[in-house]
Amino acid sequence: MTAPTTRRASRAKTVDVEIPVSLIGGIAGASYDGVTAGLKVNGNLHAPLLCVDNVFKVASGDLSLPGKVMPAK
């Protein structure tokens, strides 16, 4: 999931997400995977507001986190 202010582009088998430089320091070297999932809104104030309800597909097929955070070229 990306924020409305985050730019992203999708081409064939790749997705590019632009993250402000000020946020990269804390996530440099992080790994990630892509998923499509159903989200459920929970109205209880003592529980998370937005919850993953069901994962439909994992991009890598096995949640191996093949994506790596790296600076743009």
PDB file of N, CA and C in Angstrom:
ATOM      1  N   MET A   1       0.862  -1.158   0.000  1.00  0.00           N
ATOM      2  CA  MET A   1       0.000   0.000   0.000  1.00  0.00           C
ATOM      3  C   MET A   1       0.909   1.220   0.000  1.00  0.00           C
ATOM      4  N   THR A   2       0.547   2.182  -0.772  1.00  0.00           N
ATOM      5  CA  THR A   2       1.333   3.406  -0.813  1.00  0.00           C
ATOM      6  C   THR A   2       0.453   4.580  -0.417  1.00  0.00           C
ATOM      7  N   ALA A   3       1.104   5.639  -0.017  1.00  0.00           N
ATOM      8  CA  ALA A   3       0.385   6.855   0.362  1.00  0.00           C
ATOM      9  C   ALA A   3       0.055   7.655  -0.893  1.00  0.00           C
ATOM     10  N   PRO A   4      -0.969   8.505  -0.832  1.00  0.00           N
ATOM     11  CA  PRO A   4      -1.337   9.301  -2.007  1.00  0.00           C
ATOM     12  C   PRO A   4      -0.205  10.187  -2.509  1.00  0.00           C
ATOM     13  N   THR A   5       0.727  10.576  -1.635  1.00  0.00           N
ATOM     14  CA  THR A   5       1.829  11.447  -2.051  1.00  0.00           C
ATOM     15  C   THR A   5       3.022  10.656  -2.565  1.00  0.00           C
ATOM     16  N   THR A   6       2.980   9.327  -2.517  1.00  0.00           N
ATOM     17  CA  THR A   6       4.067   8.485  -3.002  1.00  0.00           C
ATOM     18  C   THR A   6       3.837   8.186  -4.470  1.00  0.00           C
ATOM     19  N   ARG A   7       4.855   8.454  -5.294  1.00  0.00           N
ATOM     20  CA  ARG A   7       4.722   8.171  -6.723  1.00  0.00           C
ATOM     21  C   ARG A   7       5.107   6.728  -7.000  1.00  0.00           C
ATOM     22  N   ARG A   8       4.374   6.093  -7.903  1.00  0.00           N
ATOM     23  CA  ARG A   8       4.688   4.718  -8.270  1.00  0.00           C
ATOM     24  C   ARG A   8       4.402   4.527  -9.761  1.00  0.00           C
ATOM     25  N   ALA A   9       5.131   3.591 -10.361  1.00  0.00           N
ATOM     26  CA  ALA A   9       4.944   3.258 -11.768  1.00  0.00           C
ATOM     27  C   ALA A   9       5.044   1.754 -11.912  1.00  0.00           C
ATOM     28  N   SER A  10       4.205   1.193 -12.764  1.00  0.00           N
ATOM     29  CA  SER A  10       4.193  -0.251 -12.957  1.00  0.00           C
ATOM     30  C   SER A  10       4.523  -0.559 -14.410  1.00  0.00           C
ATOM     31  N   ARG A  11       5.512  -1.448 -14.616  1.00  0.00           N
ATOM     32  CA  ARG A  11       5.895  -1.870 -15.962  1.00  0.00           C
ATOM     33  C   ARG A  11       6.083  -3.383 -15.965  1.00  0.00           C
ATOM     34  N   ALA A  12       5.300  -4.087 -16.738  1.00  0.00           N
ATOM     35  CA  ALA A  12       5.423  -5.547 -16.890  1.00  0.00           C
ATOM     36  C   ALA A  12       5.581  -6.236 -15.541  1.00  0.00           C
ATOM     37  N   LYS A  13       6.797  -6.632 -15.186  1.00  0.00           N
ATOM     38  CA  LYS A  13       7.020  -7.379 -13.944  1.00  0.00           C
ATOM     39  C   LYS A  13       7.696  -6.547 -12.871  1.00  0.00           C
ATOM     40  N   THR A  14       7.772  -5.225 -13.038  1.00  0.00           N
ATOM     41  CA  THR A  14       8.412  -4.388 -12.022  1.00  0.00           C
ATOM     42  C   THR A  14       7.480  -3.270 -11.578  1.00  0.00           C
ATOM     43  N   VAL A  15       7.670  -2.825 -10.351  1.00  0.00           N
ATOM     44  CA  VAL A  15       6.949  -1.673  -9.818  1.00  0.00           C
ATOM     45  C   VAL A  15       7.983  -0.753  -9.198  1.00  0.00           C
ATOM     46  N   ASP A  16       7.999   0.506  -9.604  1.00  0.00           N
ATOM     47  CA  ASP A  16       8.897   1.496  -9.030  1.00  0.00           C
ATOM     48  C   ASP A  16       8.109   2.385  -8.086  1.00  0.00           C
ATOM     49  N   VAL A  17       8.600   2.535  -6.851  1.00  0.00           N
ATOM     50  CA  VAL A  17       7.970   3.396  -5.863  1.00  0.00           C
ATOM     51  C   VAL A  17       8.986   4.432  -5.440  1.00  0.00           C
ATOM     52  N   GLU A  18       8.644   5.705  -5.539  1.00  0.00           N
ATOM     53  CA  GLU A  18       9.540   6.777  -5.125  1.00  0.00           C
ATOM     54  C   GLU A  18       9.231   7.171  -3.687  1.00  0.00           C
ATOM     55  N   ILE A  19      10.267   7.147  -2.843  1.00  0.00           N
ATOM     56  CA  ILE A  19      10.139   7.485  -1.429  1.00  0.00           C
ATOM     57  C   ILE A  19      11.022   8.703  -1.169  1.00  0.00           C
ATOM     58  N   PRO A  20      10.525   9.713  -0.439  1.00  0.00           N
ATOM     59  CA  PRO A  20      11.345  10.890  -0.152  1.00  0.00           C
ATOM     60  C   PRO A  20      12.666  10.499   0.519  1.00  0.00           C
ATOM     61  N   VAL A  21      13.761  11.166   0.116  1.00  0.00           N
ATOM     62  CA  VAL A  21      15.089  10.880   0.649  1.00  0.00           C
ATOM     63  C   VAL A  21      15.112  10.942   2.175  1.00  0.00           C
ATOM     64  N   SER A  22      14.342  11.821   2.761  1.00  0.00           N
ATOM     65  CA  SER A  22      14.335  11.964   4.219  1.00  0.00           C
ATOM     66  C   SER A  22      13.869  10.696   4.923  1.00  0.00           C
ATOM     67  N   LEU A  23      13.155   9.815   4.234  1.00  0.00           N
ATOM     68  CA  LEU A  23      12.659   8.580   4.838  1.00  0.00           C
ATOM     69  C   LEU A  23      13.559   7.374   4.563  1.00  0.00           C
ATOM     70  N   ILE A  24      14.488   7.478   3.633  1.00  0.00           N
ATOM     71  CA  ILE A  24      15.297   6.337   3.220  1.00  0.00           C
ATOM     72  C   ILE A  24      16.257   5.873   4.309  1.00  0.00           C
ATOM     73  N   GLY A  25      16.817   6.772   5.094  1.00  0.00           N
ATOM     74  CA  GLY A  25      17.816   6.403   6.098  1.00  0.00           C
ATOM     75  C   GLY A  25      17.386   5.254   6.985  1.00  0.00           C
ATOM     76  N   GLY A  26      16.159   5.243   7.430  1.00  0.00           N
ATOM     77  CA  GLY A  26      15.689   4.202   8.325  1.00  0.00           C
ATOM     78  C   GLY A  26      15.369   2.888   7.645  1.00  0.00           C
ATOM     79  N   ILE A  27      15.272   2.882   6.309  1.00  0.00           N
ATOM     80  CA  ILE A  27      14.901   1.640   5.631  1.00  0.00           C
ATOM     81  C   ILE A  27      15.944   1.177   4.620  1.00  0.00           C
ATOM     82  N   ALA A  28      17.109   1.832   4.587  1.00  0.00           N
ATOM     83  CA  ALA A  28      18.155   1.422   3.651  1.00  0.00           C
ATOM     84  C   ALA A  28      18.510  -0.039   3.895  1.00  0.00           C
ATOM     85  N   GLY A  29      18.574  -0.810   2.844  1.00  0.00           N
ATOM     86  CA  GLY A  29      18.908  -2.226   2.954  1.00  0.00           C
ATOM     87  C   GLY A  29      17.723  -3.119   3.299  1.00  0.00           C
ATOM     88  N   ALA A  30      16.541  -2.538   3.442  1.00  0.00           N
ATOM     89  CA  ALA A  30      15.355  -3.334   3.782  1.00  0.00           C
ATOM     90  C   ALA A  30      14.934  -4.202   2.594  1.00  0.00           C
ATOM     91  N   SER A  31      14.264  -5.289   2.871  1.00  0.00           N
ATOM     92  CA  SER A  31      13.726  -6.176   1.841  1.00  0.00           C
ATOM     93  C   SER A  31      12.204  -6.120   1.888  1.00  0.00           C
ATOM     94  N   TYR A  32      11.569  -6.411   0.757  1.00  0.00           N
ATOM     95  CA  TYR A  32      10.109  -6.366   0.707  1.00  0.00           C
ATOM     96  C   TYR A  32       9.589  -7.325  -0.350  1.00  0.00           C
ATOM     97  N   ASP A  33       8.304  -7.550  -0.327  1.00  0.00           N
ATOM     98  CA  ASP A  33       7.614  -8.362  -1.322  1.00  0.00           C
ATOM     99  C   ASP A  33       6.315  -7.631  -1.653  1.00  0.00           C
ATOM    100  N   GLY A  34       5.706  -7.952  -2.752  1.00  0.00           N
ATOM    101  CA  GLY A  34       4.433  -7.347  -3.113  1.00  0.00           C
ATOM    102  C   GLY A  34       3.300  -8.328  -2.878  1.00  0.00           C
ATOM    103  N   VAL A  35       2.193  -7.837  -2.369  1.00  0.00           N
ATOM    104  CA  VAL A  35       1.028  -8.696  -2.161  1.00  0.00           C
ATOM    105  C   VAL A  35      -0.233  -7.959  -2.590  1.00  0.00           C
ATOM    106  N   THR A  36      -1.228  -8.732  -2.984  1.00  0.00           N
ATOM    107  CA  THR A  36      -2.576  -8.187  -3.128  1.00  0.00           C
ATOM    108  C   THR A  36      -3.366  -8.783  -1.980  1.00  0.00           C
ATOM    109  N   ALA A  37      -4.102  -7.937  -1.295  1.00  0.00           N
ATOM    110  CA  ALA A  37      -4.792  -8.401  -0.087  1.00  0.00           C
ATOM    111  C   ALA A  37      -6.109  -7.670   0.096  1.00  0.00           C
ATOM    112  N   GLY A  38      -7.013  -8.349   0.791  1.00  0.00           N
ATOM    113  CA  GLY A  38      -8.267  -7.725   1.189  1.00  0.00           C
ATOM    114  C   GLY A  38      -8.042  -7.014   2.512  1.00  0.00           C
ATOM    115  N   LEU A  39      -8.564  -5.824   2.647  1.00  0.00           N
ATOM    116  CA  LEU A  39      -8.421  -5.065   3.883  1.00  0.00           C
ATOM    117  C   LEU A  39      -9.781  -4.922   4.551  1.00  0.00           C
ATOM    118  N   LYS A  40      -9.763  -4.924   5.854  1.00  0.00           N
ATOM    119  CA  LYS A  40     -11.004  -4.822   6.629  1.00  0.00           C
ATOM    120  C   LYS A  40     -10.876  -3.644   7.594  1.00  0.00           C
ATOM    121  N   VAL A  41     -11.872  -2.819   7.636  1.00  0.00           N
ATOM    122  CA  VAL A  41     -11.887  -1.685   8.559  1.00  0.00           C
ATOM    123  C   VAL A  41     -12.493  -2.149   9.875  1.00  0.00           C
ATOM    124  N   ASN A  42     -11.754  -1.943  10.956  1.00  0.00           N
ATOM    125  CA  ASN A  42     -12.206  -2.325  12.284  1.00  0.00           C
ATOM    126  C   ASN A  42     -12.601  -1.048  13.026  1.00  0.00           C
ATOM    127  N   GLY A  43     -13.847  -0.926  13.429  1.00  0.00           N
ATOM    128  CA  GLY A  43     -14.339   0.271  14.098  1.00  0.00           C
ATOM    129  C   GLY A  43     -14.001   0.352  15.575  1.00  0.00           C
ATOM    130  N   ASN A  44     -13.425  -0.699  16.155  1.00  0.00           N
ATOM    131  CA  ASN A  44     -13.072  -0.714  17.569  1.00  0.00           C
ATOM    132  C   ASN A  44     -11.834   0.155  17.794  1.00  0.00           C
ATOM    133  N   LEU A  45     -11.922   1.157  18.652  1.00  0.00           N
ATOM    134  CA  LEU A  45     -10.801   2.060  18.888  1.00  0.00           C
ATOM    135  C   LEU A  45      -9.631   1.390  19.594  1.00  0.00           C
ATOM    136  N   HIS A  46      -9.825   0.224  20.190  1.00  0.00           N
ATOM    137  CA  HIS A  46      -8.757  -0.460  20.916  1.00  0.00           C
ATOM    138  C   HIS A  46      -8.050  -1.502  20.068  1.00  0.00           C
ATOM    139  N   ALA A  47      -8.398  -1.587  18.799  1.00  0.00           N
ATOM    140  CA  ALA A  47      -7.777  -2.528  17.871  1.00  0.00           C
ATOM    141  C   ALA A  47      -7.332  -1.742  16.631  1.00  0.00           C
ATOM    142  N   PRO A  48      -6.447  -2.319  15.840  1.00  0.00           N
ATOM    143  CA  PRO A  48      -6.025  -1.602  14.629  1.00  0.00           C
ATOM    144  C   PRO A  48      -7.221  -1.215  13.765  1.00  0.00           C
ATOM    145  N   LEU A  49      -7.150  -0.054  13.164  1.00  0.00           N
ATOM    146  CA  LEU A  49      -8.248   0.442  12.345  1.00  0.00           C
ATOM    147  C   LEU A  49      -8.336  -0.280  10.999  1.00  0.00           C
ATOM    148  N   LEU A  50      -7.183  -0.545  10.384  1.00  0.00           N
ATOM    149  CA  LEU A  50      -7.166  -1.202   9.082  1.00  0.00           C
ATOM    150  C   LEU A  50      -6.400  -2.511   9.221  1.00  0.00           C
ATOM    151  N   CYS A  51      -7.039  -3.624   8.902  1.00  0.00           N
ATOM    152  CA  CYS A  51      -6.440  -4.949   9.076  1.00  0.00           C
ATOM    153  C   CYS A  51      -6.420  -5.698   7.753  1.00  0.00           C
ATOM    154  N   VAL A  52      -5.373  -6.502   7.547  1.00  0.00           N
ATOM    155  CA  VAL A  52      -5.342  -7.390   6.393  1.00  0.00           C
ATOM    156  C   VAL A  52      -6.305  -8.532   6.701  1.00  0.00           C
ATOM    157  N   ASP A  53      -7.280  -8.715   5.830  1.00  0.00           N
ATOM    158  CA  ASP A  53      -8.304  -9.737   6.044  1.00  0.00           C
ATOM    159  C   ASP A  53      -7.984 -11.022   5.295  1.00  0.00           C
ATOM    160  N   ASN A  54      -7.353 -10.897   4.131  1.00  0.00           N
ATOM    161  CA  ASN A  54      -7.047 -12.067   3.321  1.00  0.00           C
ATOM    162  C   ASN A  54      -5.957 -11.696   2.335  1.00  0.00           C
ATOM    163  N   VAL A  55      -4.941 -12.533   2.167  1.00  0.00           N
ATOM    164  CA  VAL A  55      -3.902 -12.316   1.162  1.00  0.00           C
ATOM    165  C   VAL A  55      -4.259 -13.168  -0.046  1.00  0.00           C
ATOM    166  N   PHE A  56      -4.387 -12.523  -1.200  1.00  0.00           N
ATOM    167  CA  PHE A  56      -4.791 -13.226  -2.417  1.00  0.00           C
ATOM    168  C   PHE A  56      -3.597 -13.735  -3.212  1.00  0.00           C
ATOM    169  N   LYS A  57      -2.550 -12.913  -3.319  1.00  0.00           N
ATOM    170  CA  LYS A  57      -1.402 -13.311  -4.123  1.00  0.00           C
ATOM    171  C   LYS A  57      -0.151 -12.638  -3.572  1.00  0.00           C
ATOM    172  N   VAL A  58       0.959 -13.371  -3.581  1.00  0.00           N
ATOM    173  CA  VAL A  58       2.263 -12.854  -3.178  1.00  0.00           C
ATOM    174  C   VAL A  58       3.127 -12.812  -4.433  1.00  0.00           C
ATOM    175  N   ALA A  59       3.724 -11.661  -4.726  1.00  0.00           N
ATOM    176  CA  ALA A  59       4.476 -11.489  -5.978  1.00  0.00           C
ATOM    177  C   ALA A  59       5.572 -12.527  -6.157  1.00  0.00           C
ATOM    178  N   SER A  60       6.341 -12.820  -5.106  1.00  0.00           N
ATOM    179  CA  SER A  60       7.431 -13.786  -5.221  1.00  0.00           C
ATOM    180  C   SER A  60       6.929 -15.222  -5.218  1.00  0.00           C
ATOM    181  N   GLY A  61       5.691 -15.434  -4.771  1.00  0.00           N
ATOM    182  CA  GLY A  61       5.139 -16.769  -4.681  1.00  0.00           C
ATOM    183  C   GLY A  61       5.379 -17.444  -3.335  1.00  0.00           C
ATOM    184  N   ASP A  62       6.393 -16.971  -2.596  1.00  0.00           N
ATOM    185  CA  ASP A  62       6.728 -17.633  -1.330  1.00  0.00           C
ATOM    186  C   ASP A  62       7.091 -16.669  -0.201  1.00  0.00           C
ATOM    187  N   LEU A  63       6.795 -15.398  -0.373  1.00  0.00           N
ATOM    188  CA  LEU A  63       7.089 -14.363   0.623  1.00  0.00           C
ATOM    189  C   LEU A  63       8.564 -14.369   1.031  1.00  0.00           C
ATOM    190  N   SER A  64       9.446 -14.513   0.032  1.00  0.00           N
ATOM    191  CA  SER A  64      10.891 -14.557   0.279  1.00  0.00           C
ATOM    192  C   SER A  64      11.522 -13.165   0.360  1.00  0.00           C
ATOM    193  N   LEU A  65      10.738 -12.108   0.197  1.00  0.00           N
ATOM    194  CA  LEU A  65      11.198 -10.722   0.284  1.00  0.00           C
ATOM    195  C   LEU A  65      12.345 -10.425  -0.687  1.00  0.00           C
ATOM    196  N   PRO A  66      12.137 -10.659  -1.986  1.00  0.00           N
ATOM    197  CA  PRO A  66      13.227 -10.469  -2.951  1.00  0.00           C
ATOM    198  C   PRO A  66      13.533  -9.013  -3.285  1.00  0.00           C
ATOM    199  N   GLY A  67      12.595  -8.110  -3.034  1.00  0.00           N
ATOM    200  CA  GLY A  67      12.828  -6.694  -3.344  1.00  0.00           C
ATOM    201  C   GLY A  67      13.796  -6.076  -2.356  1.00  0.00           C
ATOM    202  N   LYS A  68      14.643  -5.167  -2.832  1.00  0.00           N
ATOM    203  CA  LYS A  68      15.625  -4.480  -1.987  1.00  0.00           C
ATOM    204  C   LYS A  68      15.473  -2.975  -2.160  1.00  0.00           C
ATOM    205  N   VAL A  69      15.510  -2.238  -1.055  1.00  0.00           N
ATOM    206  CA  VAL A  69      15.448  -0.778  -1.107  1.00  0.00           C
ATOM    207  C   VAL A  69      16.806  -0.270  -1.526  1.00  0.00           C
ATOM    208  N   MET A  70      16.821   0.550  -2.597  1.00  0.00           N
ATOM    209  CA  MET A  70      18.080   1.112  -3.073  1.00  0.00           C
ATOM    210  C   MET A  70      17.822   2.487  -3.675  1.00  0.00           C
ATOM    211  N   PRO A  71      18.852   3.336  -3.690  1.00  0.00           N
ATOM    212  CA  PRO A  71      18.673   4.676  -4.266  1.00  0.00           C
ATOM    213  C   PRO A  71      18.384   4.598  -5.758  1.00  0.00           C
ATOM    214  N   ALA A  72      17.700   5.595  -6.277  1.00  0.00           N
ATOM    215  CA  ALA A  72      17.413   5.666  -7.720  1.00  0.00           C
ATOM    216  C   ALA A  72      18.705   5.834  -8.493  1.00  0.00           C
ATOM    217  N   LYS A  73      18.690   5.355  -9.732  1.00  0.00           N
ATOM    218  CA  LYS A  73      19.873   5.471 -10.594  1.00  0.00           C
ATOM    219  C   LYS A  73      19.878   6.793 -11.303  1.00  0.00           C
TER     220      LYS A  73
END
